[in-house]
């Protein structure tokens, strides 16, 4: 069909109004096939008319001269300068974003922080807090003779005991621990993929709607996430040649240990 002109752009522009006009005037009398054929014929005819009456003349106004070498070099130099400026400003942009996303995370945590008078979830009521109180009252007897000490993951009641088995203290501790998770996510993603990767990863972590419900609770999701990100971040630093590799290996082992103690079922 190109022998008679180029109707493609005209078809793109004209098809919709022609279809609507044909439907308004001839539907349902012509049926689907009739309106389709009529709209197609009118559209193609008007598209060829547009090409021969307007488009091919308008294309003659298009500049044909190629950019010279000096212009190309100038454009390349400007692009190089812009990239260099962006790299110089990346640390400042990174710090600004990290501060902003931490404030956003704290705001979301405060909105999801349970009311002090609200009932606790069943895991906290029947597992974590009772075992934490037993550990605080008789640590040796609980760990050596009480089956409850090994029927559940010990990290759950160890973390609760570290805060005196007080629900409000544990909720606030988990909220602050989540801010540490955001920082670890930022560090690991930034090291692997740069500024944009850090921005996307931390934004997903903070704005994922299913996450914040579980963070400021007497639960083990937040300690598990912290251990996971601590181990991941330390392993990334070790792999990328951190100047203190033994410290990074120790932190990676610590993160893995936390995940195993808190939620071993996820490891299995």
C-alpha atoms as a PDB file:
ATOM      1  CA  UNK A   1       0.000   0.000   0.000  1.00  0.00           C
ATOM      2  CA  UNK A   2       3.004   2.276   0.278  1.00  0.00           C
ATOM      3  CA  UNK A   3       3.014   2.729  -3.502  1.00  0.00           C
ATOM      4  CA  UNK A   4       0.128   5.189  -3.151  1.00  0.00           C
ATOM      5  CA  UNK A   5       1.421   7.051  -0.094  1.00  0.00           C
ATOM      6  CA  UNK A   6       1.799   6.507   3.635  1.00  0.00           C
ATOM      7  CA  UNK A   7      -1.603   6.393   5.355  1.00  0.00           C
ATOM      8  CA  UNK A   8      -0.393   5.044   8.727  1.00  0.00           C
ATOM      9  CA  UNK A   9      -0.357   8.298  10.688  1.00  0.00           C
ATOM     10  CA  UNK A  10      -3.629   9.413   9.154  1.00  0.00           C
ATOM     11  CA  UNK A  11      -5.275   6.118  10.146  1.00  0.00           C
ATOM     12  CA  UNK A  12      -3.943   6.574  13.677  1.00  0.00           C
ATOM     13  CA  UNK A  13      -5.407  10.084  13.921  1.00  0.00           C
ATOM     14  CA  UNK A  14      -8.689   9.662  12.056  1.00  0.00           C
ATOM     15  CA  UNK A  15      -9.866   6.163  13.043  1.00  0.00           C
ATOM     16  CA  UNK A  16     -11.468   7.008  16.379  1.00  0.00           C
ATOM     17  CA  UNK A  17     -13.666   9.950  15.302  1.00  0.00           C
ATOM     18  CA  UNK A  18     -14.710   8.085  12.156  1.00  0.00           C
ATOM     19  CA  UNK A  19     -15.657   4.994  14.166  1.00  0.00           C
ATOM     20  CA  UNK A  20     -17.699   7.063  16.607  1.00  0.00           C
ATOM     21  CA  UNK A  21     -19.474   8.928  13.799  1.00  0.00           C
ATOM     22  CA  UNK A  22     -20.331   5.713  11.924  1.00  0.00           C
ATOM     23  CA  UNK A  23     -21.680   4.115  15.111  1.00  0.00           C
ATOM     24  CA  UNK A  24     -23.814   7.152  15.863  1.00  0.00           C
ATOM     25  CA  UNK A  25     -25.306   7.238  12.363  1.00  0.00           C
ATOM     26  CA  UNK A  26     -25.560   3.578  11.319  1.00  0.00           C
ATOM     27  CA  UNK A  27     -25.679   1.436  14.488  1.00  0.00           C
ATOM     28  CA  UNK A  28     -27.438  -0.971  14.874  1.00  0.00           C
ATOM     29  CA  UNK A  29     -28.872  -0.923  11.357  1.00  0.00           C
ATOM     30  CA  UNK A  30     -25.627  -2.058   9.636  1.00  0.00           C
ATOM     31  CA  UNK A  31     -24.593  -4.467  12.404  1.00  0.00           C
ATOM     32  CA  UNK A  32     -21.026  -5.052  13.542  1.00  0.00           C
ATOM     33  CA  UNK A  33     -19.593  -6.157  10.189  1.00  0.00           C
ATOM     34  CA  UNK A  34     -21.230  -3.349   8.249  1.00  0.00           C
ATOM     35  CA  UNK A  35     -20.120  -0.566  10.591  1.00  0.00           C
ATOM     36  CA  UNK A  36     -16.598  -2.035  10.729  1.00  0.00           C
ATOM     37  CA  UNK A  37     -16.301  -2.155   6.929  1.00  0.00           C
ATOM     38  CA  UNK A  38     -17.712   1.351   6.493  1.00  0.00           C
ATOM     39  CA  UNK A  39     -15.482   2.853   9.184  1.00  0.00           C
ATOM     40  CA  UNK A  40     -12.421   1.119   7.703  1.00  0.00           C
ATOM     41  CA  UNK A  41     -13.138   2.368   4.185  1.00  0.00           C
ATOM     42  CA  UNK A  42     -13.763   5.959   5.277  1.00  0.00           C
ATOM     43  CA  UNK A  43     -10.713   5.967   7.569  1.00  0.00           C
ATOM     44  CA  UNK A  44      -8.309   4.674   4.915  1.00  0.00           C
ATOM     45  CA  UNK A  45      -9.680   7.072   2.292  1.00  0.00           C
ATOM     46  CA  UNK A  46      -9.307  10.074   4.610  1.00  0.00           C
ATOM     47  CA  UNK A  47      -5.844   8.904   5.651  1.00  0.00           C
ATOM     48  CA  UNK A  48      -4.621   8.846   2.022  1.00  0.00           C
ATOM     49  CA  UNK A  49      -6.246  12.241   1.512  1.00  0.00           C
ATOM     50  CA  UNK A  50      -4.401  13.548   4.575  1.00  0.00           C
ATOM     51  CA  UNK A  51      -1.093  12.211   3.228  1.00  0.00           C
ATOM     52  CA  UNK A  52      -1.431  13.694  -0.233  1.00  0.00           C
ATOM     53  CA  UNK A  53      -3.048  16.940   0.883  1.00  0.00           C
ATOM     54  CA  UNK A  54      -1.060  17.788   4.005  1.00  0.00           C
ATOM     55  CA  UNK A  55       1.449  15.362   5.490  1.00  0.00           C
ATOM     56  CA  UNK A  56       3.934  14.967   2.633  1.00  0.00           C
ATOM     57  CA  UNK A  57       4.108  18.742   2.257  1.00  0.00           C
ATOM     58  CA  UNK A  58       4.588  19.226   6.001  1.00  0.00           C
ATOM     59  CA  UNK A  59       7.473  16.735   5.989  1.00  0.00           C
ATOM     60  CA  UNK A  60       9.371  18.985   3.591  1.00  0.00           C
ATOM     61  CA  UNK A  61       9.691  21.487   6.411  1.00  0.00           C
ATOM     62  CA  UNK A  62      11.571  18.942   8.516  1.00  0.00           C
ATOM     63  CA  UNK A  63      15.284  19.880   8.851  1.00  0.00           C
ATOM     64  CA  UNK A  64      17.490  17.529   6.871  1.00  0.00           C
ATOM     65  CA  UNK A  65      20.952  18.704   7.899  1.00  0.00           C
ATOM     66  CA  UNK A  66      22.751  16.352  10.271  1.00  0.00           C
ATOM     67  CA  UNK A  67      24.298  17.876  13.406  1.00  0.00           C
ATOM     68  CA  UNK A  68      27.967  18.594  12.890  1.00  0.00           C
ATOM     69  CA  UNK A  69      30.767  17.040  14.896  1.00  0.00           C
ATOM     70  CA  UNK A  70      31.359  20.140  17.028  1.00  0.00           C
ATOM     71  CA  UNK A  71      27.708  20.204  18.095  1.00  0.00           C
ATOM     72  CA  UNK A  72      27.890  16.522  18.963  1.00  0.00           C
ATOM     73  CA  UNK A  73      31.014  17.033  21.056  1.00  0.00           C
ATOM     74  CA  UNK A  74      29.429  19.951  22.869  1.00  0.00           C
ATOM     75  CA  UNK A  75      26.367  17.863  23.667  1.00  0.00           C
ATOM     76  CA  UNK A  76      28.561  15.029  24.941  1.00  0.00           C
ATOM     77  CA  UNK A  77      30.566  17.441  27.104  1.00  0.00           C
ATOM     78  CA  UNK A  78      27.383  18.834  28.623  1.00  0.00           C
ATOM     79  CA  UNK A  79      26.106  15.352  29.376  1.00  0.00           C
ATOM     80  CA  UNK A  80      29.428  14.408  30.986  1.00  0.00           C
ATOM     81  CA  UNK A  81      29.344  17.559  33.116  1.00  0.00           C
ATOM     82  CA  UNK A  82      25.771  16.851  34.201  1.00  0.00           C
ATOM     83  CA  UNK A  83      26.598  13.263  35.184  1.00  0.00           C
ATOM     84  CA  UNK A  84      29.652  14.427  37.133  1.00  0.00           C
ATOM     85  CA  UNK A  85      27.561  17.014  38.972  1.00  0.00           C
ATOM     86  CA  UNK A  86      24.984  14.368  39.806  1.00  0.00           C
ATOM     87  CA  UNK A  87      27.682  12.084  41.188  1.00  0.00           C
ATOM     88  CA  UNK A  88      29.086  14.884  43.307  1.00  0.00           C
ATOM     89  CA  UNK A  89      25.643  15.607  44.687  1.00  0.00           C
ATOM     90  CA  UNK A  90      24.732  11.947  45.210  1.00  0.00           C
ATOM     91  CA  UNK A  91      26.027  11.752  48.829  1.00  0.00           C
ATOM     92  CA  UNK A  92      23.971  14.790  49.822  1.00  0.00           C
ATOM     93  CA  UNK A  93      20.897  13.454  48.021  1.00  0.00           C
ATOM     94  CA  UNK A  94      21.429  10.124  49.720  1.00  0.00           C
ATOM     95  CA  UNK A  95      21.545  11.645  53.193  1.00  0.00           C
ATOM     96  CA  UNK A  96      18.483  13.758  52.486  1.00  0.00           C
ATOM     97  CA  UNK A  97      16.540  10.722  51.291  1.00  0.00           C
ATOM     98  CA  UNK A  98      17.623   8.596  54.257  1.00  0.00           C
ATOM     99  CA  UNK A  99      16.511  11.280  56.705  1.00  0.00           C
ATOM    100  CA  UNK A 100      13.209  11.697  54.892  1.00  0.00           C
ATOM    101  CA  UNK A 101      12.422   7.974  54.682  1.00  0.00           C
ATOM    102  CA  UNK A 102      13.276   7.481  58.372  1.00  0.00           C
ATOM    103  CA  UNK A 103      10.878  10.282  59.307  1.00  0.00           C
ATOM    104  CA  UNK A 104       8.223   8.726  57.048  1.00  0.00           C
ATOM    105  CA  UNK A 105       8.792   5.320  58.674  1.00  0.00           C
ATOM    106  CA  UNK A 106       8.506   6.799  62.168  1.00  0.00           C
ATOM    107  CA  UNK A 107       5.276   8.542  61.188  1.00  0.00           C
ATOM    108  CA  UNK A 108       3.773   5.292  59.915  1.00  0.00           C
ATOM    109  CA  UNK A 109       4.952   3.418  63.026  1.00  0.00           C
ATOM    110  CA  UNK A 110       3.298   5.960  65.313  1.00  0.00           C
ATOM    111  CA  UNK A 111       0.040   5.577  63.427  1.00  0.00           C
ATOM    112  CA  UNK A 112       0.155   1.779  63.846  1.00  0.00           C
ATOM    113  CA  UNK A 113       1.352   1.749  67.455  1.00  0.00           C
ATOM    114  CA  UNK A 114      -1.330  -0.081  69.481  1.00  0.00           C
ATOM    115  CA  UNK A 115      -3.278   1.697  72.176  1.00  0.00           C
ATOM    116  CA  UNK A 116      -1.898   0.772  75.636  1.00  0.00           C
ATOM    117  CA  UNK A 117      -5.353  -0.486  76.635  1.00  0.00           C
ATOM    118  CA  UNK A 118      -5.790  -2.616  73.516  1.00  0.00           C
ATOM    119  CA  UNK A 119      -5.673  -6.425  73.985  1.00  0.00           C
ATOM    120  CA  UNK A 120      -2.469  -8.114  72.888  1.00  0.00           C
ATOM    121  CA  UNK A 121      -2.287 -10.751  70.166  1.00  0.00           C
ATOM    122  CA  UNK A 122      -2.505 -14.407  71.169  1.00  0.00           C
ATOM    123  CA  UNK A 123       1.207 -15.158  70.592  1.00  0.00           C
ATOM    124  CA  UNK A 124       2.199 -12.416  72.997  1.00  0.00           C
ATOM    125  CA  UNK A 125      -0.441 -13.347  75.555  1.00  0.00           C
ATOM    126  CA  UNK A 126       0.151 -17.096  75.665  1.00  0.00           C
ATOM    127  CA  UNK A 127       3.751 -17.546  74.570  1.00  0.00           C
ATOM    128  CA  UNK A 128       6.230 -14.677  74.503  1.00  0.00           C
ATOM    129  CA  UNK A 129       5.301 -12.742  77.642  1.00  0.00           C
ATOM    130  CA  UNK A 130       4.653 -15.730  79.980  1.00  0.00           C
ATOM    131  CA  UNK A 131       7.939 -17.347  78.971  1.00  0.00           C
ATOM    132  CA  UNK A 132       9.794 -14.067  79.327  1.00  0.00           C
ATOM    133  CA  UNK A 133       8.432 -13.649  82.864  1.00  0.00           C
ATOM    134  CA  UNK A 134       9.467 -17.205  83.760  1.00  0.00           C
ATOM    135  CA  UNK A 135      12.944 -16.503  82.411  1.00  0.00           C
ATOM    136  CA  UNK A 136      13.233 -13.321  84.444  1.00  0.00           C
ATOM    137  CA  UNK A 137      11.969 -14.953  87.651  1.00  0.00           C
ATOM    138  CA  UNK A 138      13.814 -18.297  87.551  1.00  0.00           C
ATOM    139  CA  UNK A 139      16.186 -18.323  84.568  1.00  0.00           C
ATOM    140  CA  UNK A 140      18.059 -21.550  85.322  1.00  0.00           C
ATOM    141  CA  UNK A 141      14.984 -23.574  86.251  1.00  0.00           C
ATOM    142  CA  UNK A 142      13.092 -22.342  83.218  1.00  0.00           C
ATOM    143  CA  UNK A 143      15.885 -23.096  80.739  1.00  0.00           C
ATOM    144  CA  UNK A 144      16.817 -26.467  82.234  1.00  0.00           C
ATOM    145  CA  UNK A 145      13.508 -28.057  83.211  1.00  0.00           C
ATOM    146  CA  UNK A 146      10.575 -26.225  81.622  1.00  0.00           C
ATOM    147  CA  UNK A 147       9.540 -27.711  78.214  1.00  0.00           C
ATOM    148  CA  UNK A 148       8.152 -24.300  77.221  1.00  0.00           C
ATOM    149  CA  UNK A 149      11.739 -23.087  76.885  1.00  0.00           C
ATOM    150  CA  UNK A 150      12.307 -25.282  73.825  1.00  0.00           C
ATOM    151  CA  UNK A 151       8.799 -25.763  72.486  1.00  0.00           C
ATOM    152  CA  UNK A 152       8.967 -22.284  70.996  1.00  0.00           C
ATOM    153  CA  UNK A 153      11.758 -20.302  69.380  1.00  0.00           C
ATOM    154  CA  UNK A 154      13.837 -18.871  72.247  1.00  0.00           C
ATOM    155  CA  UNK A 155      14.434 -15.554  70.519  1.00  0.00           C
ATOM    156  CA  UNK A 156      10.783 -14.644  71.060  1.00  0.00           C
ATOM    157  CA  UNK A 157      10.923 -14.729  74.841  1.00  0.00           C
ATOM    158  CA  UNK A 158      14.590 -13.668  75.083  1.00  0.00           C
ATOM    159  CA  UNK A 159      13.785 -10.429  73.230  1.00  0.00           C
ATOM    160  CA  UNK A 160      10.711  -9.852  75.388  1.00  0.00           C
ATOM    161  CA  UNK A 161      12.711 -10.539  78.563  1.00  0.00           C
ATOM    162  CA  UNK A 162      15.340  -8.013  77.503  1.00  0.00           C
ATOM    163  CA  UNK A 163      12.634  -5.347  77.904  1.00  0.00           C
ATOM    164  CA  UNK A 164      11.308  -6.620  81.204  1.00  0.00           C
ATOM    165  CA  UNK A 165       8.384  -8.441  79.588  1.00  0.00           C
ATOM    166  CA  UNK A 166       6.646  -5.061  79.372  1.00  0.00           C
ATOM    167  CA  UNK A 167       4.420  -4.924  76.268  1.00  0.00           C
ATOM    168  CA  UNK A 168       4.727  -1.167  75.724  1.00  0.00           C
ATOM    169  CA  UNK A 169       8.529  -1.272  75.979  1.00  0.00           C
ATOM    170  CA  UNK A 170       8.672  -4.176  73.532  1.00  0.00           C
ATOM    171  CA  UNK A 171       6.414  -2.385  71.062  1.00  0.00           C
ATOM    172  CA  UNK A 172       8.606   0.722  71.147  1.00  0.00           C
ATOM    173  CA  UNK A 173      11.753  -1.395  70.897  1.00  0.00           C
ATOM    174  CA  UNK A 174      10.401  -3.113  67.787  1.00  0.00           C
ATOM    175  CA  UNK A 175       9.502   0.256  66.287  1.00  0.00           C
ATOM    176  CA  UNK A 176      13.038   1.567  66.823  1.00  0.00           C
ATOM    177  CA  UNK A 177      14.497  -1.717  65.592  1.00  0.00           C
ATOM    178  CA  UNK A 178      12.549  -1.269  62.366  1.00  0.00           C
ATOM    179  CA  UNK A 179      14.225   2.090  61.834  1.00  0.00           C
ATOM    180  CA  UNK A 180      17.507   0.190  62.054  1.00  0.00           C
ATOM    181  CA  UNK A 181      16.140  -2.204  59.408  1.00  0.00           C
ATOM    182  CA  UNK A 182      15.498   0.755  57.107  1.00  0.00           C
ATOM    183  CA  UNK A 183      19.094   1.899  57.581  1.00  0.00           C
ATOM    184  CA  UNK A 184      20.458  -1.581  56.825  1.00  0.00           C
ATOM    185  CA  UNK A 185      18.255  -1.870  53.748  1.00  0.00           C
ATOM    186  CA  UNK A 186      19.525   1.496  52.556  1.00  0.00           C
ATOM    187  CA  UNK A 187      23.141   0.485  53.072  1.00  0.00           C
ATOM    188  CA  UNK A 188      22.919  -2.881  51.333  1.00  0.00           C
ATOM    189  CA  UNK A 189      20.868  -1.672  48.357  1.00  0.00           C
ATOM    190  CA  UNK A 190      23.043   1.419  47.951  1.00  0.00           C
ATOM    191  CA  UNK A 191      26.201  -0.665  47.949  1.00  0.00           C
ATOM    192  CA  UNK A 192      24.833  -3.060  45.353  1.00  0.00           C
ATOM    193  CA  UNK A 193      22.938  -0.744  43.020  1.00  0.00           C
ATOM    194  CA  UNK A 194      23.626   2.888  43.847  1.00  0.00           C
ATOM    195  CA  UNK A 195      21.394   5.759  44.901  1.00  0.00           C
ATOM    196  CA  UNK A 196      18.308   4.740  42.927  1.00  0.00           C
ATOM    197  CA  UNK A 197      18.415   1.166  44.255  1.00  0.00           C
ATOM    198  CA  UNK A 198      18.602   2.474  47.820  1.00  0.00           C
ATOM    199  CA  UNK A 199      15.668   4.807  47.264  1.00  0.00           C
ATOM    200  CA  UNK A 200      13.469   2.104  45.721  1.00  0.00           C
ATOM    201  CA  UNK A 201      14.358  -0.570  48.293  1.00  0.00           C
ATOM    202  CA  UNK A 202      13.726   1.610  51.343  1.00  0.00           C
ATOM    203  CA  UNK A 203      10.531   3.031  49.856  1.00  0.00           C
ATOM    204  CA  UNK A 204       9.205  -0.484  49.275  1.00  0.00           C
ATOM    205  CA  UNK A 205      10.131  -1.495  52.817  1.00  0.00           C
ATOM    206  CA  UNK A 206       8.444   1.503  54.449  1.00  0.00           C
ATOM    207  CA  UNK A 207       5.374   1.779  52.234  1.00  0.00           C
ATOM    208  CA  UNK A 208       4.563  -1.926  51.887  1.00  0.00           C
ATOM    209  CA  UNK A 209       1.061  -1.912  53.391  1.00  0.00           C
ATOM    210  CA  UNK A 210       1.315  -5.368  54.994  1.00  0.00           C
ATOM    211  CA  UNK A 211       4.513  -4.600  56.929  1.00  0.00           C
ATOM    212  CA  UNK A 212       3.628  -1.873  59.415  1.00  0.00           C
ATOM    213  CA  UNK A 213       0.751  -3.799  60.954  1.00  0.00           C
ATOM    214  CA  UNK A 214       3.204  -6.307  62.477  1.00  0.00           C
ATOM    215  CA  UNK A 215       6.150  -4.064  63.343  1.00  0.00           C
ATOM    216  CA  UNK A 216       5.104  -2.211  66.552  1.00  0.00           C
ATOM    217  CA  UNK A 217       3.677  -5.356  68.181  1.00  0.00           C
ATOM    218  CA  UNK A 218       4.850  -7.933  70.720  1.00  0.00           C
ATOM    219  CA  UNK A 219       5.849 -10.238  67.875  1.00  0.00           C
ATOM    220  CA  UNK A 220       9.043 -11.591  66.326  1.00  0.00           C
ATOM    221  CA  UNK A 221       8.678 -10.289  62.766  1.00  0.00           C
ATOM    222  CA  UNK A 222      10.775  -7.187  63.437  1.00  0.00           C
ATOM    223  CA  UNK A 223      13.717  -8.949  65.170  1.00  0.00           C
ATOM    224  CA  UNK A 224      13.722 -11.511  62.363  1.00  0.00           C
ATOM    225  CA  UNK A 225      13.815  -8.792  59.716  1.00  0.00           C
ATOM    226  CA  UNK A 226      16.637  -7.048  61.571  1.00  0.00           C
ATOM    227  CA  UNK A 227      18.683 -10.249  61.747  1.00  0.00           C
ATOM    228  CA  UNK A 228      18.039 -10.966  58.079  1.00  0.00           C
ATOM    229  CA  UNK A 229      19.130  -7.489  56.982  1.00  0.00           C
ATOM    230  CA  UNK A 230      22.112  -7.446  59.345  1.00  0.00           C
ATOM    231  CA  UNK A 231      23.376 -10.729  57.906  1.00  0.00           C
ATOM    232  CA  UNK A 232      22.689  -9.633  54.331  1.00  0.00           C
ATOM    233  CA  UNK A 233      24.333  -6.237  54.710  1.00  0.00           C
ATOM    234  CA  UNK A 234      27.417  -7.647  56.426  1.00  0.00           C
ATOM    235  CA  UNK A 235      27.764 -10.358  53.766  1.00  0.00           C
ATOM    236  CA  UNK A 236      27.536  -7.726  51.011  1.00  0.00           C
ATOM    237  CA  UNK A 237      30.189  -5.589  52.725  1.00  0.00           C
ATOM    238  CA  UNK A 238      32.454  -8.623  53.061  1.00  0.00           C
ATOM    239  CA  UNK A 239      31.997  -9.592  49.407  1.00  0.00           C
ATOM    240  CA  UNK A 240      32.730  -6.041  48.245  1.00  0.00           C
ATOM    241  CA  UNK A 241      36.008  -5.887  50.148  1.00  0.00           C
ATOM    242  CA  UNK A 242      35.282  -4.116  53.433  1.00  0.00           C
ATOM    243  CA  UNK A 243      38.534  -3.104  55.188  1.00  0.00           C
ATOM    244  CA  UNK A 244      37.485  -5.104  58.266  1.00  0.00           C
ATOM    245  CA  UNK A 245      36.417  -8.454  56.801  1.00  0.00           C
ATOM    246  CA  UNK A 246      36.466 -10.390  60.082  1.00  0.00           C
ATOM    247  CA  UNK A 247      34.073  -7.923  61.664  1.00  0.00           C
ATOM    248  CA  UNK A 248      31.747  -8.286  58.680  1.00  0.00           C
ATOM    249  CA  UNK A 249      31.844 -12.086  58.975  1.00  0.00           C
ATOM    250  CA  UNK A 250      31.049 -11.810  62.683  1.00  0.00           C
ATOM    251  CA  UNK A 251      28.112  -9.498  61.992  1.00  0.00           C
ATOM    252  CA  UNK A 252      26.839 -11.802  59.239  1.00  0.00           C
ATOM    253  CA  UNK A 253      27.009 -14.749  61.655  1.00  0.00           C
ATOM    254  CA  UNK A 254      25.216 -12.687  64.296  1.00  0.00           C
ATOM    255  CA  UNK A 255      22.448 -11.815  61.872  1.00  0.00           C
ATOM    256  CA  UNK A 256      22.033 -15.458  60.883  1.00  0.00           C
ATOM    257  CA  UNK A 257      21.968 -16.486  64.548  1.00  0.00           C
ATOM    258  CA  UNK A 258      19.237 -13.949  65.288  1.00  0.00           C
ATOM    259  CA  UNK A 259      17.052 -15.267  62.477  1.00  0.00           C
ATOM    260  CA  UNK A 260      17.560 -18.856  63.620  1.00  0.00           C
ATOM    261  CA  UNK A 261      16.734 -18.062  67.238  1.00  0.00           C
ATOM    262  CA  UNK A 262      13.707 -15.899  66.451  1.00  0.00           C
ATOM    263  CA  UNK A 263      11.939 -17.702  63.588  1.00  0.00           C
ATOM    264  CA  UNK A 264      13.668 -21.007  62.734  1.00  0.00           C
ATOM    265  CA  UNK A 265      10.640 -22.235  60.793  1.00  0.00           C
ATOM    266  CA  UNK A 266      11.470 -19.699  58.055  1.00  0.00           C
ATOM    267  CA  UNK A 267      14.957 -21.168  57.806  1.00  0.00           C
ATOM    268  CA  UNK A 268      13.512 -24.660  57.449  1.00  0.00           C
END
